[in-house]
C-alpha cells in the first residue's frame, strides 16, 4: 500500500540494492509514499514505502512499473552486507 508513514525495511533494501548495483545514486528523497532516487544513467526510480512497487522513468506520470522479480533482486542486493574484498 502506498501512503503516508515511513519506508519499510523492504523499500529501504530495494533502494540500497539500486545504489549498490550502480543503477541509482544517492542522495534519495522521500515524499508522497515513495522513496525517489536518481538513476545513474537517466531518469528516476520511485519505490513505494511498502516496497511492492518500483517505477522508473523521466517523470512519475510516464514512469513504467518494473517486474516483481527485479524488485526481489534489488531487495536481496540491498539487504545483504557488501562483500569484503580480501587482499
Protein backbone atom coordinates (compact mmCIF):
# COMPACT_ATOMS: atom_id res chain seq x y z
CA UNK A 1 0.00 0.00 0.00
CA UNK A 2 1.35 3.40 -0.96
CA UNK A 3 0.70 6.15 1.52
CA UNK A 4 1.92 8.10 4.49
CA UNK A 5 4.33 6.87 7.09
CA UNK A 6 7.89 5.74 6.77
CA UNK A 7 9.57 3.42 4.28
CA UNK A 8 9.55 -0.27 5.22
CA UNK A 9 12.69 -2.35 5.60
CA UNK A 10 11.95 -3.89 2.19
CA UNK A 11 11.68 -0.48 0.48
CA UNK A 12 14.92 0.63 2.12
CA UNK A 13 16.66 -2.58 0.98
CA UNK A 14 15.41 -2.09 -2.60
CA UNK A 15 16.79 1.47 -2.60
CA UNK A 16 20.12 0.25 -1.20
CA UNK A 17 20.22 -2.51 -3.85
CA UNK A 18 19.75 0.03 -6.63
CA UNK A 19 22.67 2.05 -5.28
CA UNK A 20 24.95 -0.95 -4.64
CA UNK A 21 24.42 -2.28 -8.15
CA UNK A 22 25.17 1.12 -9.68
CA UNK A 23 21.69 1.65 -11.08
CA UNK A 24 20.96 4.68 -8.88
CA UNK A 25 22.89 7.30 -6.95
CA UNK A 26 22.44 8.95 -3.59
CA UNK A 27 21.04 11.12 -2.11
CA UNK A 28 17.47 9.89 -2.04
CA UNK A 29 14.24 11.70 -1.20
CA UNK A 30 11.02 10.52 0.41
CA UNK A 31 7.67 12.03 -0.49
CA UNK A 32 4.05 11.06 -1.09
CA UNK A 33 4.60 7.42 -0.12
CA UNK A 34 7.70 6.85 -2.29
CA UNK A 35 11.46 6.83 -1.94
CA UNK A 36 12.92 8.50 -5.03
CA UNK A 37 16.42 8.06 -6.41
CA UNK A 38 18.16 9.47 -9.46
CA UNK A 39 19.12 6.82 -11.98
CA UNK A 40 22.83 6.68 -12.73
CA UNK A 41 22.20 6.56 -16.50
CA UNK A 42 18.94 8.52 -16.84
CA UNK A 43 15.61 9.15 -15.18
CA UNK A 44 14.49 8.37 -11.67
CA UNK A 45 13.33 5.42 -9.60
CA UNK A 46 10.26 5.50 -7.33
CA UNK A 47 9.95 2.82 -4.64
CA UNK A 48 6.65 2.58 -2.74
CA UNK A 49 7.03 2.78 1.04
CA UNK A 50 5.90 -0.84 1.39
CA UNK A 51 8.42 -1.99 -1.23
CA UNK A 52 5.89 -3.66 -3.53
CA UNK A 53 6.11 -1.18 -6.42
CA UNK A 54 9.16 0.08 -8.27
CA UNK A 55 8.83 2.52 -11.15
CA UNK A 56 11.44 4.02 -13.48
CA UNK A 57 11.17 6.93 -15.86
CA UNK A 58 11.85 10.56 -16.58
CA UNK A 59 8.84 11.67 -14.52
CA UNK A 60 6.27 9.95 -12.33
CA UNK A 61 3.42 10.29 -14.82
CA UNK A 62 5.23 8.38 -17.56
CA UNK A 63 7.28 6.02 -15.36
CA UNK A 64 6.89 2.32 -16.03
CA UNK A 65 6.46 -0.27 -13.30
CA UNK A 66 9.29 -2.79 -13.11
CA UNK A 67 8.75 -6.52 -12.69
CA UNK A 68 8.41 -8.12 -9.23
CA UNK A 69 11.46 -10.33 -9.91
CA UNK A 70 13.63 -7.25 -10.39
CA UNK A 71 12.29 -5.75 -7.16
CA UNK A 72 13.14 -9.00 -5.34
CA UNK A 73 16.68 -8.98 -6.79
CA UNK A 74 17.27 -5.39 -5.69
CA UNK A 75 15.94 -6.23 -2.22
CA UNK A 76 18.43 -9.11 -1.93
CA UNK A 77 21.29 -6.92 -3.17
CA UNK A 78 20.44 -4.24 -0.62
CA UNK A 79 19.64 -6.47 2.34
CA UNK A 80 22.89 -8.41 2.34
CA UNK A 81 26.02 -6.68 3.58
CA UNK A 82 28.50 -5.89 0.79
CA UNK A 83 31.19 -8.48 0.23
CA UNK A 84 34.54 -7.62 1.81
CA UNK A 85 37.49 -7.91 -0.52
CA UNK A 86 40.33 -9.94 0.89
CA UNK A 87 43.82 -8.96 -0.12
